[in-house]
Each structure stands twice: as structure tokens, then as C-alpha cells.
Amino acid sequence: MIDISDIPGVSSGTPPSFAELFAAHHPSMVRLAGLLGADDPEDIAQEAFARLHARRARLRDDGAAVAYVRSIVCNLTRNRLRHLRLARLRRPEPPPDAHSGEHHALVAERHRELLAAVDRLPRRQREAVVLRYWLDLSEREIADAMGVSPGSVKTHTSRGLAALGRALGEES
């Protein structure tokens, strides 16, 4: 993830502009939507930033903008999956490694198995696991994004990891 302070011309004392927030966080929001199962992660990220733009003046804290967008991405993905019931598009195969070998083939297969197992998790468990282990968010940040208590985050994460362990253990 890009840090706002890494963008040229942005000082740490002033709140970042909308364009700076977009440049810094759009790729991670697209990735989040994709990991949560969106069939159109770019559209979801764009919609989330459009909603932020429309409501940014009403935010009490400029520092809350990223958490607000993250929460919108989670909600939009959840709503689209629930209402449209679209099948998730297949993830493209990773590009072949220039130094392809048996190890790389095994790692790629294991990665596909893991992603398939994550896809089979119940929605809340998948959200908690993705937010925790792919985005490295704290329990509080995950709770805010999912709209649940930190205790629920712990439960969903624990159950998701147990289900992944069983699924990957059966596939080995």
C-alpha cells in the first residue's frame, strides 16, 4: 500500500486531497474487492471513491477517509454478491515464471488450492480472513469494515482458518 506521505508535494500536516487519496489507495481497494469475491473489483473501487467524494465534506475526521472507503468496498461487494448472485470470474493464471521448475509449479498449484479454499468459505469468514491476512488489518479495523464487533471478527477469523486448514488438509 502506498503511504500518503510518499506522494510528492504532500506534507504530513495537511489533509490529503481527494486525488491524492485516490492515487494512494485505489489499487488496494481494487485488490480488496477482488479478494472478497467481487466479479467487478474495479467498478466497486470506483463506486466507493465516488461515494467518498460525495460525502467527504461530512466526514468528521479526514483520517477516517480510508477506513470509510474500505467499509464501502466491503458493503458494495457484499451487496453485489447477495443481490446479483453472480458466479465469480476465474482468476487469470499466473504468468509463467522465466525460471520455471518443479518448485514453482508446486507453489503455483498450492496458491490455486488456497484461493479456491478461500472462495468456498462462508462470506463473513472469507471477509475476516482476507481483511486480516491479505490486508493485515487490526481486529478493530476489520470490525469497522465488516460492521461487526471485534469478538465476531475473532470468531469469523478462527472459524475461517479452521475451515481452510481442513480444506487444505483434505486436498493435500
N, C-alpha and C. Protein backbone atom coordinates (compact mmCIF):
# COMPACT_ATOMS: atom_id res chain seq x y z
N MET A 1 0.85 -1.16 0.00
CA MET A 1 0.00 0.00 0.00
C MET A 1 0.90 1.23 0.00
N ILE A 2 0.51 2.23 -0.73
CA ILE A 2 1.26 3.48 -0.82
C ILE A 2 0.90 4.33 0.38
N ASP A 3 1.89 4.93 0.97
CA ASP A 3 1.66 5.84 2.08
C ASP A 3 1.46 7.23 1.49
N ILE A 4 0.51 7.98 2.04
CA ILE A 4 0.23 9.33 1.55
C ILE A 4 1.48 10.19 1.60
N SER A 5 2.30 10.00 2.63
CA SER A 5 3.50 10.83 2.76
C SER A 5 4.53 10.55 1.68
N ASP A 6 4.38 9.41 0.96
CA ASP A 6 5.29 9.09 -0.12
C ASP A 6 4.96 9.83 -1.42
N ILE A 7 3.79 10.46 -1.49
CA ILE A 7 3.39 11.17 -2.71
C ILE A 7 4.08 12.52 -2.72
N PRO A 8 4.77 12.87 -3.82
CA PRO A 8 5.45 14.16 -3.88
C PRO A 8 4.48 15.31 -3.68
N GLY A 9 4.89 16.30 -2.92
CA GLY A 9 4.09 17.50 -2.72
C GLY A 9 3.07 17.39 -1.61
N VAL A 10 3.00 16.26 -0.93
CA VAL A 10 2.04 16.11 0.16
C VAL A 10 2.79 16.22 1.47
N SER A 11 2.39 17.17 2.27
CA SER A 11 3.03 17.30 3.58
C SER A 11 2.19 16.54 4.59
N SER A 12 2.85 16.09 5.63
CA SER A 12 2.16 15.27 6.61
C SER A 12 1.20 16.08 7.47
N GLY A 13 1.31 17.41 7.48
CA GLY A 13 0.46 18.24 8.32
C GLY A 13 -0.88 18.57 7.70
N THR A 14 -1.01 18.53 6.40
CA THR A 14 -2.27 18.89 5.76
C THR A 14 -3.01 17.64 5.33
N PRO A 15 -4.33 17.68 5.40
CA PRO A 15 -5.09 16.51 4.94
C PRO A 15 -4.89 16.32 3.44
N PRO A 16 -4.80 15.08 3.00
CA PRO A 16 -4.59 14.83 1.57
C PRO A 16 -5.83 15.21 0.76
N SER A 17 -5.61 15.62 -0.47
CA SER A 17 -6.72 15.92 -1.36
C SER A 17 -7.37 14.61 -1.79
N PHE A 18 -8.54 14.73 -2.40
CA PHE A 18 -9.23 13.54 -2.88
C PHE A 18 -8.38 12.82 -3.92
N ALA A 19 -7.75 13.56 -4.81
CA ALA A 19 -6.91 12.95 -5.85
C ALA A 19 -5.74 12.19 -5.22
N GLU A 20 -5.16 12.74 -4.18
CA GLU A 20 -4.05 12.07 -3.50
C GLU A 20 -4.52 10.79 -2.81
N LEU A 21 -5.68 10.84 -2.16
CA LEU A 21 -6.24 9.64 -1.54
C LEU A 21 -6.52 8.58 -2.60
N PHE A 22 -7.09 9.00 -3.71
CA PHE A 22 -7.40 8.06 -4.78
C PHE A 22 -6.13 7.40 -5.30
N ALA A 23 -5.13 8.21 -5.59
CA ALA A 23 -3.87 7.68 -6.13
C ALA A 23 -3.20 6.71 -5.15
N ALA A 24 -3.29 7.03 -3.88
CA ALA A 24 -2.61 6.21 -2.88
C ALA A 24 -3.35 4.91 -2.55
N HIS A 25 -4.67 4.91 -2.64
CA HIS A 25 -5.42 3.77 -2.10
C HIS A 25 -6.29 3.03 -3.11
N HIS A 26 -6.44 3.52 -4.31
CA HIS A 26 -7.28 2.84 -5.30
C HIS A 26 -6.81 1.41 -5.58
N PRO A 27 -5.51 1.17 -5.83
CA PRO A 27 -5.09 -0.21 -6.11
C PRO A 27 -5.41 -1.18 -4.98
N SER A 28 -5.24 -0.74 -3.75
CA SER A 28 -5.53 -1.65 -2.62
C SER A 28 -7.02 -1.91 -2.47
N MET A 29 -7.85 -0.94 -2.82
CA MET A 29 -9.30 -1.14 -2.75
C MET A 29 -9.77 -2.09 -3.86
N VAL A 30 -9.16 -2.00 -5.04
CA VAL A 30 -9.47 -2.94 -6.11
C VAL A 30 -9.08 -4.35 -5.67
N ARG A 31 -7.90 -4.47 -5.09
CA ARG A 31 -7.43 -5.77 -4.61
C ARG A 31 -8.35 -6.32 -3.52
N LEU A 32 -8.78 -5.46 -2.60
CA LEU A 32 -9.69 -5.89 -1.55
C LEU A 32 -10.99 -6.41 -2.14
N ALA A 33 -11.58 -5.67 -3.06
CA ALA A 33 -12.85 -6.09 -3.67
C ALA A 33 -12.67 -7.43 -4.39
N GLY A 34 -11.56 -7.59 -5.08
CA GLY A 34 -11.29 -8.85 -5.77
C GLY A 34 -11.15 -10.01 -4.81
N LEU A 35 -10.45 -9.80 -3.73
CA LEU A 35 -10.26 -10.87 -2.74
C LEU A 35 -11.55 -11.22 -2.01
N LEU A 36 -12.45 -10.25 -1.91
CA LEU A 36 -13.73 -10.53 -1.25
C LEU A 36 -14.72 -11.21 -2.18
N GLY A 37 -14.35 -11.37 -3.45
CA GLY A 37 -15.19 -12.12 -4.36
C GLY A 37 -15.94 -11.32 -5.39
N ALA A 38 -15.64 -10.05 -5.51
CA ALA A 38 -16.34 -9.22 -6.50
C ALA A 38 -15.99 -9.67 -7.91
N ASP A 39 -17.00 -9.69 -8.76
CA ASP A 39 -16.75 -10.03 -10.15
C ASP A 39 -16.27 -8.80 -10.92
N ASP A 40 -16.40 -7.63 -10.35
CA ASP A 40 -16.01 -6.38 -10.99
C ASP A 40 -15.31 -5.47 -9.97
N PRO A 41 -14.12 -5.87 -9.48
CA PRO A 41 -13.48 -5.12 -8.40
C PRO A 41 -13.16 -3.67 -8.75
N GLU A 42 -12.82 -3.40 -10.02
CA GLU A 42 -12.52 -2.02 -10.39
C GLU A 42 -13.76 -1.14 -10.25
N ASP A 43 -14.92 -1.67 -10.67
CA ASP A 43 -16.16 -0.91 -10.56
C ASP A 43 -16.50 -0.63 -9.10
N ILE A 44 -16.29 -1.62 -8.27
CA ILE A 44 -16.61 -1.44 -6.85
C ILE A 44 -15.70 -0.38 -6.23
N ALA A 45 -14.40 -0.43 -6.54
CA ALA A 45 -13.48 0.57 -6.01
C ALA A 45 -13.85 1.96 -6.51
N GLN A 46 -14.19 2.08 -7.79
CA GLN A 46 -14.59 3.37 -8.35
C GLN A 46 -15.84 3.90 -7.64
N GLU A 47 -16.83 3.03 -7.45
CA GLU A 47 -18.06 3.43 -6.78
C GLU A 47 -17.78 3.87 -5.34
N ALA A 48 -16.89 3.15 -4.66
CA ALA A 48 -16.56 3.50 -3.28
C ALA A 48 -15.93 4.90 -3.22
N PHE A 49 -15.02 5.19 -4.14
CA PHE A 49 -14.40 6.51 -4.14
C PHE A 49 -15.40 7.59 -4.56
N ALA A 50 -16.33 7.26 -5.44
CA ALA A 50 -17.37 8.23 -5.82
C ALA A 50 -18.23 8.57 -4.61
N ARG A 51 -18.56 7.56 -3.82
CA ARG A 51 -19.36 7.81 -2.62
C ARG A 51 -18.57 8.63 -1.60
N LEU A 52 -17.27 8.35 -1.48
CA LEU A 52 -16.43 9.16 -0.59
C LEU A 52 -16.43 10.61 -1.06
N HIS A 53 -16.27 10.81 -2.35
CA HIS A 53 -16.23 12.17 -2.90
C HIS A 53 -17.52 12.92 -2.59
N ALA A 54 -18.64 12.24 -2.71
CA ALA A 54 -19.93 12.88 -2.45
C ALA A 54 -20.13 13.21 -0.97
N ARG A 55 -19.49 12.45 -0.09
CA ARG A 55 -19.73 12.62 1.35
C ARG A 55 -18.52 13.12 2.13
N ARG A 56 -17.43 13.41 1.46
CA ARG A 56 -16.19 13.75 2.16
C ARG A 56 -16.35 14.97 3.05
N ALA A 57 -17.12 15.96 2.61
CA ALA A 57 -17.31 17.16 3.42
C ALA A 57 -17.99 16.85 4.75
N ARG A 58 -18.72 15.75 4.81
CA ARG A 58 -19.44 15.40 6.03
C ARG A 58 -18.62 14.52 6.97
N LEU A 59 -17.43 14.09 6.56
CA LEU A 59 -16.60 13.28 7.45
C LEU A 59 -16.09 14.15 8.59
N ARG A 60 -16.20 13.63 9.78
CA ARG A 60 -15.73 14.38 10.95
C ARG A 60 -14.20 14.41 11.02
N ASP A 61 -13.57 13.37 10.51
CA ASP A 61 -12.13 13.23 10.61
C ASP A 61 -11.57 12.88 9.24
N ASP A 62 -10.66 13.71 8.70
CA ASP A 62 -10.05 13.42 7.41
C ASP A 62 -9.29 12.11 7.43
N GLY A 63 -8.80 11.71 8.57
CA GLY A 63 -8.07 10.45 8.69
C GLY A 63 -8.96 9.24 8.55
N ALA A 64 -10.26 9.43 8.63
CA ALA A 64 -11.19 8.32 8.53
C ALA A 64 -11.57 7.99 7.09
N ALA A 65 -11.08 8.75 6.13
CA ALA A 65 -11.48 8.56 4.73
C ALA A 65 -11.12 7.16 4.23
N VAL A 66 -9.93 6.67 4.54
CA VAL A 66 -9.50 5.36 4.04
C VAL A 66 -10.35 4.26 4.67
N ALA A 67 -10.60 4.34 5.94
CA ALA A 67 -11.45 3.35 6.61
C ALA A 67 -12.87 3.40 6.05
N TYR A 68 -13.34 4.61 5.75
CA TYR A 68 -14.67 4.78 5.18
C TYR A 68 -14.76 4.12 3.81
N VAL A 69 -13.76 4.34 2.96
CA VAL A 69 -13.75 3.72 1.63
C VAL A 69 -13.66 2.20 1.76
N ARG A 70 -12.82 1.72 2.67
CA ARG A 70 -12.68 0.27 2.87
C ARG A 70 -14.02 -0.34 3.28
N SER A 71 -14.74 0.33 4.15
CA SER A 71 -16.04 -0.14 4.59
C SER A 71 -17.03 -0.15 3.42
N ILE A 72 -16.99 0.88 2.58
CA ILE A 72 -17.87 0.94 1.41
C ILE A 72 -17.56 -0.22 0.47
N VAL A 73 -16.28 -0.49 0.25
CA VAL A 73 -15.88 -1.60 -0.63
C VAL A 73 -16.45 -2.91 -0.09
N CYS A 74 -16.32 -3.14 1.19
CA CYS A 74 -16.86 -4.38 1.79
C CYS A 74 -18.38 -4.44 1.60
N ASN A 75 -19.06 -3.34 1.86
CA ASN A 75 -20.52 -3.34 1.75
C ASN A 75 -20.98 -3.51 0.31
N LEU A 76 -20.33 -2.82 -0.62
CA LEU A 76 -20.72 -2.95 -2.03
C LEU A 76 -20.49 -4.38 -2.53
N THR A 77 -19.37 -4.96 -2.16
CA THR A 77 -19.08 -6.34 -2.58
C THR A 77 -20.12 -7.28 -2.00
N ARG A 78 -20.41 -7.13 -0.73
CA ARG A 78 -21.40 -7.97 -0.06
C ARG A 78 -22.76 -7.82 -0.74
N ASN A 79 -23.17 -6.59 -1.03
CA ASN A 79 -24.47 -6.37 -1.67
C ASN A 79 -24.53 -6.95 -3.07
N ARG A 80 -23.48 -6.76 -3.84
CA ARG A 80 -23.50 -7.31 -5.20
C ARG A 80 -23.53 -8.83 -5.19
N LEU A 81 -22.78 -9.44 -4.30
CA LEU A 81 -22.80 -10.90 -4.23
C LEU A 81 -24.17 -11.40 -3.79
N ARG A 82 -24.77 -10.70 -2.87
CA ARG A 82 -26.06 -11.11 -2.34
C ARG A 82 -27.16 -10.91 -3.39
N HIS A 83 -27.21 -9.75 -4.02
CA HIS A 83 -28.32 -9.43 -4.90
C HIS A 83 -28.17 -10.01 -6.31
N LEU A 84 -26.99 -9.99 -6.82
CA LEU A 84 -26.82 -10.46 -8.20
C LEU A 84 -26.53 -11.94 -8.29
N ARG A 85 -25.96 -12.50 -7.23
CA ARG A 85 -25.62 -13.93 -7.18
C ARG A 85 -24.84 -14.36 -8.42
N LEU A 86 -23.89 -13.51 -8.77
CA LEU A 86 -23.07 -13.82 -9.94
C LEU A 86 -21.97 -14.80 -9.56
N ALA A 87 -21.66 -15.63 -10.50
CA ALA A 87 -20.52 -16.53 -10.29
C ALA A 87 -19.25 -15.69 -10.41
N ARG A 88 -18.35 -15.97 -9.56
CA ARG A 88 -17.09 -15.24 -9.57
C ARG A 88 -16.29 -15.60 -10.82
N LEU A 89 -15.75 -14.56 -11.45
CA LEU A 89 -14.93 -14.80 -12.64
C LEU A 89 -13.67 -15.54 -12.23
N ARG A 90 -13.22 -16.38 -13.10
CA ARG A 90 -11.98 -17.10 -12.81
C ARG A 90 -10.82 -16.12 -12.74
N ARG A 91 -9.99 -16.39 -11.80
CA ARG A 91 -8.77 -15.58 -11.71
C ARG A 91 -7.85 -16.01 -12.84
N PRO A 92 -7.19 -15.06 -13.46
CA PRO A 92 -6.26 -15.45 -14.53
C PRO A 92 -5.11 -16.28 -13.96
N GLU A 93 -4.64 -17.19 -14.77
CA GLU A 93 -3.50 -17.99 -14.36
C GLU A 93 -2.29 -17.08 -14.19
N PRO A 94 -1.47 -17.35 -13.18
CA PRO A 94 -0.28 -16.51 -13.02
C PRO A 94 0.62 -16.68 -14.24
N PRO A 95 1.32 -15.62 -14.62
CA PRO A 95 2.21 -15.73 -15.78
C PRO A 95 3.30 -16.76 -15.50
N PRO A 96 3.72 -17.45 -16.54
CA PRO A 96 4.76 -18.46 -16.32
C PRO A 96 6.07 -17.79 -15.88
N ASP A 97 6.72 -18.43 -14.95
CA ASP A 97 7.97 -17.91 -14.44
C ASP A 97 9.09 -18.17 -15.46
N ALA A 98 9.97 -17.19 -15.63
CA ALA A 98 11.07 -17.35 -16.59
C ALA A 98 11.96 -18.52 -16.18
N HIS A 99 12.08 -18.78 -14.89
CA HIS A 99 12.91 -19.87 -14.40
C HIS A 99 12.00 -20.97 -13.86
N SER A 100 11.05 -21.37 -14.68
CA SER A 100 10.06 -22.35 -14.27
C SER A 100 10.73 -23.66 -13.87
N GLY A 101 10.21 -24.25 -12.83
CA GLY A 101 10.73 -25.53 -12.36
C GLY A 101 9.68 -26.21 -11.53
N GLU A 102 10.01 -27.37 -11.04
CA GLU A 102 9.06 -28.15 -10.25
C GLU A 102 8.60 -27.39 -9.01
N HIS A 103 9.51 -26.69 -8.35
CA HIS A 103 9.16 -25.94 -7.15
C HIS A 103 8.13 -24.86 -7.48
N HIS A 104 8.35 -24.14 -8.55
CA HIS A 104 7.42 -23.07 -8.92
C HIS A 104 6.06 -23.64 -9.29
N ALA A 105 6.03 -24.78 -9.92
CA ALA A 105 4.76 -25.41 -10.28
C ALA A 105 4.00 -25.83 -9.02
N LEU A 106 4.71 -26.37 -8.05
CA LEU A 106 4.06 -26.78 -6.81
C LEU A 106 3.54 -25.57 -6.03
N VAL A 107 4.33 -24.50 -6.01
CA VAL A 107 3.90 -23.29 -5.31
C VAL A 107 2.67 -22.70 -5.98
N ALA A 108 2.66 -22.66 -7.31
CA ALA A 108 1.51 -22.12 -8.03
C ALA A 108 0.27 -22.98 -7.79
N GLU A 109 0.42 -24.28 -7.77
CA GLU A 109 -0.72 -25.16 -7.52
C GLU A 109 -1.24 -24.97 -6.10
N ARG A 110 -0.33 -24.84 -5.15
CA ARG A 110 -0.73 -24.63 -3.75
C ARG A 110 -1.48 -23.30 -3.61
N HIS A 111 -1.01 -22.28 -4.35
CA HIS A 111 -1.66 -20.97 -4.33
C HIS A 111 -3.09 -21.08 -4.88
N ARG A 112 -3.26 -21.80 -5.97
CA ARG A 112 -4.60 -22.01 -6.55
C ARG A 112 -5.50 -22.76 -5.57
N GLU A 113 -4.94 -23.75 -4.90
CA GLU A 113 -5.72 -24.50 -3.90
C GLU A 113 -6.16 -23.59 -2.77
N LEU A 114 -5.26 -22.72 -2.32
CA LEU A 114 -5.59 -21.81 -1.23
C LEU A 114 -6.69 -20.85 -1.67
N LEU A 115 -6.56 -20.24 -2.84
CA LEU A 115 -7.59 -19.31 -3.32
C LEU A 115 -8.93 -20.02 -3.50
N ALA A 116 -8.91 -21.24 -3.99
CA ALA A 116 -10.15 -22.00 -4.15
C ALA A 116 -10.78 -22.28 -2.78
N ALA A 117 -9.94 -22.61 -1.80
CA ALA A 117 -10.45 -22.87 -0.45
C ALA A 117 -11.02 -21.59 0.16
N VAL A 118 -10.36 -20.46 -0.06
CA VAL A 118 -10.88 -19.18 0.44
C VAL A 118 -12.22 -18.87 -0.22
N ASP A 119 -12.35 -19.14 -1.51
CA ASP A 119 -13.61 -18.90 -2.22
C ASP A 119 -14.76 -19.73 -1.65
N ARG A 120 -14.46 -20.89 -1.11
CA ARG A 120 -15.51 -21.77 -0.57
C ARG A 120 -15.93 -21.41 0.86
N LEU A 121 -15.19 -20.51 1.51
CA LEU A 121 -15.56 -20.11 2.87
C LEU A 121 -16.88 -19.35 2.86
N PRO A 122 -17.64 -19.44 3.95
CA PRO A 122 -18.83 -18.58 4.07
C PRO A 122 -18.40 -17.11 3.99
N ARG A 123 -19.30 -16.26 3.53
CA ARG A 123 -18.99 -14.86 3.24
C ARG A 123 -18.29 -14.14 4.40
N ARG A 124 -18.82 -14.21 5.60
CA ARG A 124 -18.23 -13.48 6.73
C ARG A 124 -16.84 -14.01 7.08
N GLN A 125 -16.66 -15.33 7.03
CA GLN A 125 -15.34 -15.90 7.32
C GLN A 125 -14.35 -15.47 6.25
N ARG A 126 -14.78 -15.47 4.98
CA ARG A 126 -13.90 -15.04 3.89
C ARG A 126 -13.50 -13.58 4.08
N GLU A 127 -14.46 -12.72 4.41
CA GLU A 127 -14.16 -11.31 4.63
C GLU A 127 -13.13 -11.14 5.75
N ALA A 128 -13.36 -11.81 6.87
CA ALA A 128 -12.47 -11.66 8.02
C ALA A 128 -11.06 -12.15 7.69
N VAL A 129 -10.95 -13.30 7.04
CA VAL A 129 -9.63 -13.85 6.70
C VAL A 129 -8.91 -12.96 5.70
N VAL A 130 -9.61 -12.49 4.69
CA VAL A 130 -8.99 -11.64 3.67
C VAL A 130 -8.53 -10.32 4.28
N LEU A 131 -9.40 -9.69 5.07
CA LEU A 131 -9.03 -8.41 5.67
C LEU A 131 -7.86 -8.58 6.64
N ARG A 132 -7.82 -9.69 7.35
CA ARG A 132 -6.75 -9.90 8.34
C ARG A 132 -5.43 -10.30 7.69
N TYR A 133 -5.46 -11.30 6.83
CA TYR A 133 -4.20 -11.87 6.36
C TYR A 133 -3.74 -11.35 5.00
N TRP A 134 -4.64 -10.78 4.20
CA TRP A 134 -4.19 -10.20 2.94
C TRP A 134 -3.93 -8.71 3.09
N LEU A 135 -4.76 -8.04 3.89
CA LEU A 135 -4.58 -6.60 4.07
C LEU A 135 -3.89 -6.26 5.39
N ASP A 136 -3.73 -7.26 6.26
CA ASP A 136 -3.04 -7.07 7.54
C ASP A 136 -3.69 -5.99 8.39
N LEU A 137 -5.02 -5.98 8.44
CA LEU A 137 -5.74 -5.00 9.25
C LEU A 137 -5.86 -5.51 10.69
N SER A 138 -6.03 -4.59 11.60
CA SER A 138 -6.25 -4.95 13.00
C SER A 138 -7.68 -5.43 13.18
N GLU A 139 -7.94 -6.07 14.32
CA GLU A 139 -9.29 -6.54 14.59
C GLU A 139 -10.28 -5.39 14.61
N ARG A 140 -9.88 -4.26 15.15
CA ARG A 140 -10.76 -3.09 15.21
C ARG A 140 -11.08 -2.58 13.81
N GLU A 141 -10.07 -2.51 12.94
CA GLU A 141 -10.30 -2.06 11.56
C GLU A 141 -11.20 -3.03 10.81
N ILE A 142 -11.00 -4.32 11.04
CA ILE A 142 -11.83 -5.34 10.39
C ILE A 142 -13.27 -5.22 10.89
N ALA A 143 -13.42 -5.05 12.20
CA ALA A 143 -14.76 -4.91 12.77
C ALA A 143 -15.48 -3.71 12.17
N ASP A 144 -14.78 -2.60 12.02
CA ASP A 144 -15.37 -1.40 11.42
C ASP A 144 -15.75 -1.66 9.97
N ALA A 145 -14.88 -2.30 9.22
CA ALA A 145 -15.15 -2.56 7.80
C ALA A 145 -16.32 -3.52 7.61
N MET A 146 -16.43 -4.52 8.50
CA MET A 146 -17.49 -5.53 8.36
C MET A 146 -18.78 -5.13 9.07
N GLY A 147 -18.69 -4.14 9.95
CA GLY A 147 -19.86 -3.73 10.71
C GLY A 147 -20.24 -4.71 11.80
N VAL A 148 -19.22 -5.33 12.42
CA VAL A 148 -19.45 -6.30 13.49
C VAL A 148 -18.55 -5.93 14.68
N SER A 149 -18.69 -6.67 15.77
CA SER A 149 -17.85 -6.42 16.95
C SER A 149 -16.49 -7.11 16.77
N PRO A 150 -15.47 -6.64 17.50
CA PRO A 150 -14.17 -7.31 17.43
C PRO A 150 -14.24 -8.78 17.84
N GLY A 151 -15.13 -9.12 18.75
CA GLY A 151 -15.30 -10.52 19.13
C GLY A 151 -15.81 -11.37 17.97
N SER A 152 -16.71 -10.80 17.18
CA SER A 152 -17.20 -11.51 15.99
C SER A 152 -16.09 -11.69 14.98
N VAL A 153 -15.22 -10.69 14.87
CA VAL A 153 -14.09 -10.80 13.96
C VAL A 153 -13.21 -11.98 14.37
N LYS A 154 -12.94 -12.09 15.66
CA LYS A 154 -12.13 -13.21 16.16
C LYS A 154 -12.80 -14.54 15.83
N THR A 155 -14.10 -14.62 16.04
CA THR A 155 -14.84 -15.86 15.77
C THR A 155 -14.78 -16.21 14.29
N HIS A 156 -15.10 -15.23 13.43
CA HIS A 156 -15.10 -15.49 11.99
C HIS A 156 -13.71 -15.86 11.49
N THR A 157 -12.69 -15.18 12.00
CA THR A 157 -11.32 -15.47 11.58
C THR A 157 -10.91 -16.86 12.02
N SER A 158 -11.19 -17.19 13.27
CA SER A 158 -10.83 -18.51 13.80
C SER A 158 -11.53 -19.62 13.03
N ARG A 159 -12.81 -19.46 12.81
CA ARG A 159 -13.56 -20.49 12.07
C ARG A 159 -13.09 -20.58 10.62
N GLY A 160 -12.78 -19.43 10.03
CA GLY A 160 -12.28 -19.43 8.65
C GLY A 160 -10.95 -20.14 8.53
N LEU A 161 -10.05 -19.88 9.47
CA LEU A 161 -8.74 -20.55 9.44
C LEU A 161 -8.89 -22.05 9.67
N ALA A 162 -9.79 -22.44 10.57
CA ALA A 162 -10.02 -23.86 10.81
C ALA A 162 -10.57 -24.54 9.55
N ALA A 163 -11.51 -23.87 8.88
CA ALA A 163 -12.08 -24.43 7.65
C ALA A 163 -11.02 -24.52 6.56
N LEU A 164 -10.16 -23.51 6.46
CA LEU A 164 -9.07 -23.55 5.47
C LEU A 164 -8.12 -24.71 5.77
N GLY A 165 -7.81 -24.88 7.05
CA GLY A 165 -6.93 -25.99 7.43
C GLY A 165 -7.51 -27.34 7.06
N ARG A 166 -8.80 -27.50 7.31
CA ARG A 166 -9.46 -28.76 6.93
C ARG A 166 -9.49 -28.92 5.43
N ALA A 167 -9.83 -27.86 4.71
CA ALA A 167 -9.92 -27.94 3.25
C ALA A 167 -8.55 -28.24 2.62
N LEU A 168 -7.53 -27.58 3.11
CA LEU A 168 -6.20 -27.79 2.54
C LEU A 168 -5.61 -29.12 2.99
N GLY A 169 -5.99 -29.56 4.16
CA GLY A 169 -5.53 -30.87 4.64
C GLY A 169 -6.14 -31.99 3.82
N GLU A 170 -7.40 -31.84 3.43
CA GLU A 170 -8.08 -32.84 2.61
C GLU A 170 -7.54 -32.88 1.19
N GLU A 171 -7.10 -31.71 0.68
CA GLU A 171 -6.62 -31.63 -0.69
C GLU A 171 -5.18 -32.08 -0.83
N SER A 172 -4.45 -32.13 0.28
CA SER A 172 -3.01 -32.47 0.20
C SER A 172 -2.78 -33.90 -0.19
